[in-house]
Amino acid sequence: LLECVDRYQRLKARAGALDFLVLLLHARDLVRDNTAVRNHFQTRFRCLFVDEFQDTDPLQAELVLLLASQDPGETRWHHVDPVPGKLFLVGDPKQSIYRFRRADVHVYRQVCEQLVARGATLVELRRSFRSVENLQRVINAAFASVMDGNVETRQARYVALEPSRADHAGQPSVVALPVPKPYAQRFVAARAIEESLPDAVGAYIEWLVKHSGWMVTERRDPATRVPIEARHICILFRRFVSYGQDITRTYVEALEARGIKHLLVGGRAFHGREENETLHVGLMQ
């Protein structure tokens, strides 16, 4: 297999076609093995700022550390001692989702431990400005026991959220909406839940907008509370299609039946719907 991969890469190189991984390999080899090139870029870049560091793969992490090295002769990235104040990394291991392209939360942890051992300052951003305290309690309780920082399973360590906004008195921040008809014959069934939930969600949104009297804050003026409207509500879908059917359609119909303004973003069958095809034909004429 390795011989086939190597032959494939050589054929691509001869044809002048290099994929992203090969480009990274060549860049790493050039910086690591060529002293003049490495020293040039170490001098050229006074500061290195890397955002979304949890998405970096081992080659990218190696490049960053070599360019930040205080010793111009050091070629082993695991032994790099960065120039003080030159390297600034921002990342959240809980958001490490690109393992398919070699990004690994273990690399993130390894680099962090290496830098801290050499005098770097670790700062954890714990305060959330987006939610009230009750919602943060629920999130902390749900994830603290699951994200345990287990090295063997490559699990990130959970960092508890700290409050910055007060709860709204008399207005719950977390509501568990029951499913009206979860049973198919005798047992709970996913199909029965998916069939009855859209109308329940539509009815709940109608109550929120027209009858609840609840108040929310907006980003443009966080200090002022305004009555909740349809534009403040977002429905998130785990998937768009189930059993070959477009899930979003029944939710849209539930909102339309109640006169709730809405905007659908995404949906696998969105462009194939009758109203969109009609609009497309009208524009083409």
Protein backbone atom coordinates (compact mmCIF):
# COMPACT_ATOMS: atom_id res chain seq x y z
CA LEU A 1 0.00 0.00 0.00
CA LEU A 2 2.79 2.42 0.90
CA GLU A 3 4.52 1.68 -2.39
CA CYS A 4 1.29 2.40 -4.28
CA VAL A 5 0.81 5.70 -2.44
CA ASP A 6 4.43 6.69 -3.08
CA ARG A 7 4.12 5.81 -6.78
CA TYR A 8 0.88 7.77 -7.02
CA GLN A 9 2.48 10.85 -5.46
CA ARG A 10 5.47 10.62 -7.81
CA LEU A 11 3.20 10.42 -10.85
CA LYS A 12 1.28 13.47 -9.65
CA ALA A 13 4.53 15.35 -9.05
CA ARG A 14 5.76 14.54 -12.58
CA ALA A 15 2.46 15.84 -13.96
CA GLY A 16 2.85 19.04 -11.95
CA ALA A 17 -0.12 18.17 -9.72
CA LEU A 18 0.40 18.25 -5.96
CA ASP A 19 -2.35 17.93 -3.38
CA PHE A 20 -2.48 19.91 -0.16
CA LEU A 21 -0.81 17.21 1.94
CA VAL A 22 2.16 16.94 -0.44
CA LEU A 23 2.54 20.71 -0.46
CA LEU A 24 2.65 20.62 3.34
CA LEU A 25 5.26 17.88 3.28
CA HIS A 26 7.49 19.85 0.91
CA ALA A 27 7.08 23.02 2.96
CA ARG A 28 7.93 21.17 6.18
CA ASP A 29 10.96 19.49 4.58
CA LEU A 30 12.22 22.81 3.24
CA VAL A 31 11.92 24.61 6.58
CA ARG A 32 13.27 21.71 8.63
CA ASP A 33 16.15 20.61 6.38
CA ASN A 34 17.33 23.89 4.87
CA THR A 35 19.01 26.09 7.47
CA ALA A 36 19.06 29.19 5.27
CA VAL A 37 15.33 28.96 4.50
CA ARG A 38 14.42 28.27 8.14
CA ASN A 39 16.48 31.18 9.47
CA HIS A 40 15.10 33.51 6.78
CA PHE A 41 11.50 32.94 7.79
CA GLN A 42 12.32 32.89 11.49
CA THR A 43 13.71 36.40 11.05
CA ARG A 44 11.01 37.58 8.67
CA PHE A 45 8.05 36.78 10.94
CA ARG A 46 8.31 38.67 14.23
CA CYS A 47 5.01 37.27 15.57
CA LEU A 48 2.97 34.19 14.73
CA PHE A 49 -0.77 34.18 15.51
CA VAL A 50 -2.64 30.94 14.82
CA ASP A 51 -6.42 30.82 15.23
CA GLU A 52 -8.47 27.59 15.37
CA PHE A 53 -5.34 25.72 16.43
CA GLN A 54 -7.39 22.60 17.24
CA ASP A 55 -7.76 22.10 13.48
CA THR A 56 -4.02 21.92 12.75
CA ASP A 57 -2.42 18.63 11.77
CA PRO A 58 1.06 17.45 12.92
CA LEU A 59 2.80 18.93 9.86
CA GLN A 60 1.26 22.36 10.41
CA ALA A 61 2.09 22.28 14.11
CA GLU A 62 5.69 21.32 13.26
CA LEU A 63 5.99 24.24 10.82
CA VAL A 64 4.64 26.74 13.34
CA LEU A 65 6.98 25.63 16.10
CA LEU A 66 10.06 25.56 13.87
CA LEU A 67 9.36 29.12 12.70
CA ALA A 68 8.95 30.28 16.32
CA SER A 69 12.09 28.55 17.61
CA GLN A 70 14.51 30.58 19.71
CA ASP A 71 17.39 28.33 18.60
CA PRO A 72 17.90 28.79 14.82
CA GLY A 73 19.69 25.45 14.65
CA GLU A 74 16.93 23.36 16.25
CA THR A 75 15.17 21.05 13.75
CA ARG A 76 13.25 18.83 16.20
CA TRP A 77 9.89 20.48 16.77
CA HIS A 78 9.30 18.54 20.02
CA HIS A 79 12.39 20.26 21.45
CA VAL A 80 11.60 23.80 20.27
CA ASP A 81 11.82 26.60 22.84
CA PRO A 82 9.89 29.50 21.24
CA VAL A 83 11.07 33.10 21.29
CA PRO A 84 9.24 34.76 24.22
CA GLY A 85 6.21 36.67 22.98
CA LYS A 86 6.48 35.44 19.38
CA LEU A 87 3.91 32.64 19.33
CA PHE A 88 0.21 33.11 20.12
CA LEU A 89 -2.19 30.18 19.69
CA VAL A 90 -5.99 30.24 19.99
CA GLY A 91 -7.99 27.03 19.98
CA ASP A 92 -10.78 25.01 21.54
CA PRO A 93 -10.16 21.25 21.71
CA LYS A 94 -13.91 20.68 22.13
CA GLN A 95 -14.30 21.85 18.53
CA SER A 96 -11.74 19.47 17.05
CA ILE A 97 -13.80 17.89 14.24
CA TYR A 98 -11.33 17.57 11.37
CA ARG A 99 -9.72 14.26 12.25
CA PHE A 100 -10.42 13.02 8.70
CA ARG A 101 -7.77 15.46 7.47
CA ARG A 102 -5.28 14.55 10.20
CA ALA A 103 -6.22 17.24 12.70
CA ASP A 104 -6.06 15.58 16.11
CA VAL A 105 -6.90 16.89 19.57
CA HIS A 106 -3.84 14.94 20.81
CA VAL A 107 -1.58 17.24 18.76
CA TYR A 108 -3.30 20.24 20.33
CA ARG A 109 -2.75 18.86 23.82
CA GLN A 110 0.84 17.89 23.11
CA VAL A 111 1.79 21.34 21.79
CA CYS A 112 0.06 23.10 24.69
CA GLU A 113 1.87 20.97 27.26
CA GLN A 114 5.18 21.56 25.50
CA LEU A 115 4.72 25.34 25.42
CA VAL A 116 3.53 25.59 29.03
CA ALA A 117 6.54 23.54 30.15
CA ARG A 118 8.75 26.14 28.46
CA GLY A 119 7.14 29.11 30.17
CA ALA A 120 4.11 29.92 27.99
CA THR A 121 0.99 31.30 29.67
CA LEU A 122 -2.20 29.25 29.36
CA VAL A 123 -5.39 31.33 29.45
CA GLU A 124 -8.80 29.64 29.54
CA LEU A 125 -11.75 31.71 28.30
CA ARG A 126 -14.56 30.57 30.57
CA ARG A 127 -17.04 33.43 30.55
CA SER A 128 -19.90 33.16 28.08
CA PHE A 129 -21.64 36.34 27.03
CA ARG A 130 -24.30 34.62 24.95
CA SER A 131 -26.47 32.89 27.53
CA VAL A 132 -27.94 33.33 30.98
CA GLU A 133 -26.76 31.43 34.05
CA ASN A 134 -29.48 28.74 34.10
CA LEU A 135 -28.65 27.69 30.55
CA GLN A 136 -24.96 27.49 31.45
CA ARG A 137 -25.79 25.23 34.39
CA VAL A 138 -27.55 22.78 32.07
CA ILE A 139 -24.66 22.81 29.58
CA ASN A 140 -22.07 22.30 32.33
CA ALA A 141 -24.04 19.41 33.84
CA ALA A 142 -24.48 17.73 30.45
CA PHE A 143 -20.87 17.88 29.25
CA ALA A 144 -18.66 17.88 32.36
CA SER A 145 -19.01 14.12 32.90
CA VAL A 146 -18.63 13.24 29.20
CA MET A 147 -15.67 15.41 28.17
CA ASP A 148 -13.27 14.06 30.76
CA GLY A 149 -9.97 14.79 29.00
CA ASN A 150 -9.16 11.10 28.58
CA VAL A 151 -5.86 10.85 26.71
CA GLU A 152 -6.45 7.28 25.50
CA THR A 153 -9.78 8.11 23.81
CA ARG A 154 -8.51 11.51 22.57
CA GLN A 155 -11.28 13.29 24.46
CA ALA A 156 -11.05 16.99 25.23
CA ARG A 157 -11.30 18.24 28.78
CA TYR A 158 -14.45 20.23 29.48
CA VAL A 159 -14.00 23.79 30.72
CA ALA A 160 -17.05 24.93 32.67
CA LEU A 161 -18.82 28.09 31.53
CA GLU A 162 -19.02 31.03 33.91
CA PRO A 163 -21.99 33.44 33.94
CA SER A 164 -21.99 37.03 32.79
CA ARG A 165 -25.71 37.65 32.27
CA ALA A 166 -28.44 37.37 34.87
CA ASP A 167 -31.46 35.10 34.48
CA HIS A 168 -34.79 36.63 33.52
CA ALA A 169 -37.12 36.41 36.50
CA GLY A 170 -40.29 34.44 35.78
CA GLN A 171 -39.01 33.25 32.40
CA PRO A 172 -37.33 29.84 32.05
CA SER A 173 -34.18 29.61 29.95
CA VAL A 174 -34.50 25.85 29.30
CA VAL A 175 -37.74 24.14 28.27
CA ALA A 176 -38.06 20.40 27.57
CA LEU A 177 -40.81 20.14 24.97
CA PRO A 178 -42.71 16.82 25.22
CA VAL A 179 -43.47 14.75 22.12
CA PRO A 180 -47.27 14.38 21.75
CA LYS A 181 -47.32 10.94 20.09
CA PRO A 182 -44.02 9.10 20.49
CA TYR A 183 -45.50 5.57 20.26
CA ALA A 184 -45.93 3.36 17.22
CA GLN A 185 -48.38 0.66 18.34
CA ARG A 186 -46.80 -0.21 21.73
CA PHE A 187 -43.24 1.14 21.72
CA VAL A 188 -41.53 4.49 21.28
CA ALA A 189 -40.45 4.86 17.65
CA ALA A 190 -38.31 7.41 15.84
CA ARG A 191 -40.80 7.64 12.97
CA ALA A 192 -43.69 8.41 15.34
CA ILE A 193 -41.64 11.12 17.05
CA GLU A 194 -40.67 12.71 13.74
CA GLU A 195 -44.28 12.69 12.57
CA SER A 196 -45.77 14.36 15.66
CA LEU A 197 -42.97 16.72 16.66
CA PRO A 198 -43.26 19.35 13.86
CA ASP A 199 -46.79 20.36 14.83
CA ALA A 200 -45.81 20.51 18.51
CA VAL A 201 -42.85 22.75 17.70
CA GLY A 202 -45.04 24.96 15.51
CA ALA A 203 -47.62 25.32 18.28
CA TYR A 204 -44.93 26.14 20.83
CA ILE A 205 -43.40 28.81 18.59
CA GLU A 206 -46.84 30.31 18.02
CA TRP A 207 -47.37 30.50 21.78
CA LEU A 208 -43.94 32.06 22.28
CA VAL A 209 -44.52 34.78 19.70
CA LYS A 210 -48.20 35.56 20.29
CA HIS A 211 -48.99 34.72 23.90
CA SER A 212 -45.94 34.16 26.14
CA GLY A 213 -45.02 37.78 26.78
CA TRP A 214 -41.38 36.68 27.09
CA MET A 215 -38.57 39.14 26.54
CA VAL A 216 -35.16 38.72 24.91
CA THR A 217 -32.07 40.84 24.34
CA GLU A 218 -30.36 41.62 21.04
CA ARG A 219 -26.69 41.96 20.18
CA ARG A 220 -27.02 45.59 19.11
CA ASP A 221 -28.31 46.59 22.57
CA PRO A 222 -27.70 43.86 25.19
CA ALA A 223 -28.95 46.07 28.01
CA THR A 224 -32.47 46.42 26.57
CA ARG A 225 -35.04 43.63 26.57
CA VAL A 226 -37.58 43.44 23.74
CA PRO A 227 -40.63 41.22 23.14
CA ILE A 228 -39.76 37.91 21.50
CA GLU A 229 -40.49 37.71 17.77
CA ALA A 230 -40.20 35.03 15.11
CA ARG A 231 -36.81 36.41 14.03
CA HIS A 232 -35.39 35.56 17.46
CA ILE A 233 -36.15 31.83 17.08
CA CYS A 234 -34.01 29.23 15.31
CA ILE A 235 -34.86 25.57 14.70
CA LEU A 236 -31.78 23.34 14.32
CA PHE A 237 -31.98 19.99 12.49
CA ARG A 238 -29.73 17.00 13.16
CA ARG A 239 -30.35 15.89 9.57
CA PHE A 240 -32.45 17.07 6.63
CA VAL A 241 -33.66 13.72 5.28
CA SER A 242 -35.18 10.75 7.13
CA TYR A 243 -36.55 7.59 5.51
CA GLY A 244 -36.08 9.34 2.15
CA GLN A 245 -38.28 12.28 3.11
CA ASP A 246 -37.36 15.94 3.64
CA ILE A 247 -37.78 16.59 7.36
CA THR A 248 -37.80 20.37 7.04
CA ARG A 249 -40.96 20.39 4.94
CA THR A 250 -43.32 19.41 7.78
CA TYR A 251 -41.84 22.06 10.05
CA VAL A 252 -42.30 24.72 7.37
CA GLU A 253 -45.91 23.63 6.91
CA ALA A 254 -46.51 23.82 10.68
CA LEU A 255 -45.23 27.41 10.72
CA GLU A 256 -47.13 28.41 7.58
CA ALA A 257 -50.40 27.04 9.01
CA ARG A 258 -50.02 29.39 11.98
CA GLY A 259 -48.93 32.44 10.00
CA ILE A 260 -45.42 32.46 11.50
CA LYS A 261 -42.82 34.27 9.38
CA HIS A 262 -39.89 32.02 8.61
CA LEU A 263 -36.78 31.55 6.48
CA LEU A 264 -35.42 28.11 5.57
CA VAL A 265 -31.65 27.90 5.23
CA GLY A 266 -30.42 24.58 3.85
CA GLY A 267 -32.53 21.50 3.52
CA ARG A 268 -31.41 18.81 1.10
CA ALA A 269 -34.60 19.02 -0.96
CA PHE A 270 -34.87 22.82 -0.76
CA HIS A 271 -34.17 23.53 -4.45
CA GLY A 272 -36.46 20.75 -5.61
CA ARG A 273 -39.58 22.07 -3.94
CA GLU A 274 -42.55 23.09 -6.06
CA GLU A 275 -42.50 26.77 -5.11
CA ASN A 276 -38.78 27.08 -5.84
CA GLU A 277 -39.07 25.27 -9.16
CA THR A 278 -41.95 27.58 -10.09
CA LEU A 279 -39.88 30.63 -9.17
CA HIS A 280 -36.92 29.30 -11.13
CA VAL A 281 -39.05 28.70 -14.24
CA GLY A 282 -40.53 32.19 -13.94
CA LEU A 283 -37.10 33.78 -13.76
CA MET A 284 -35.91 31.81 -16.80
CA GLN A 285 -38.81 32.97 -18.97
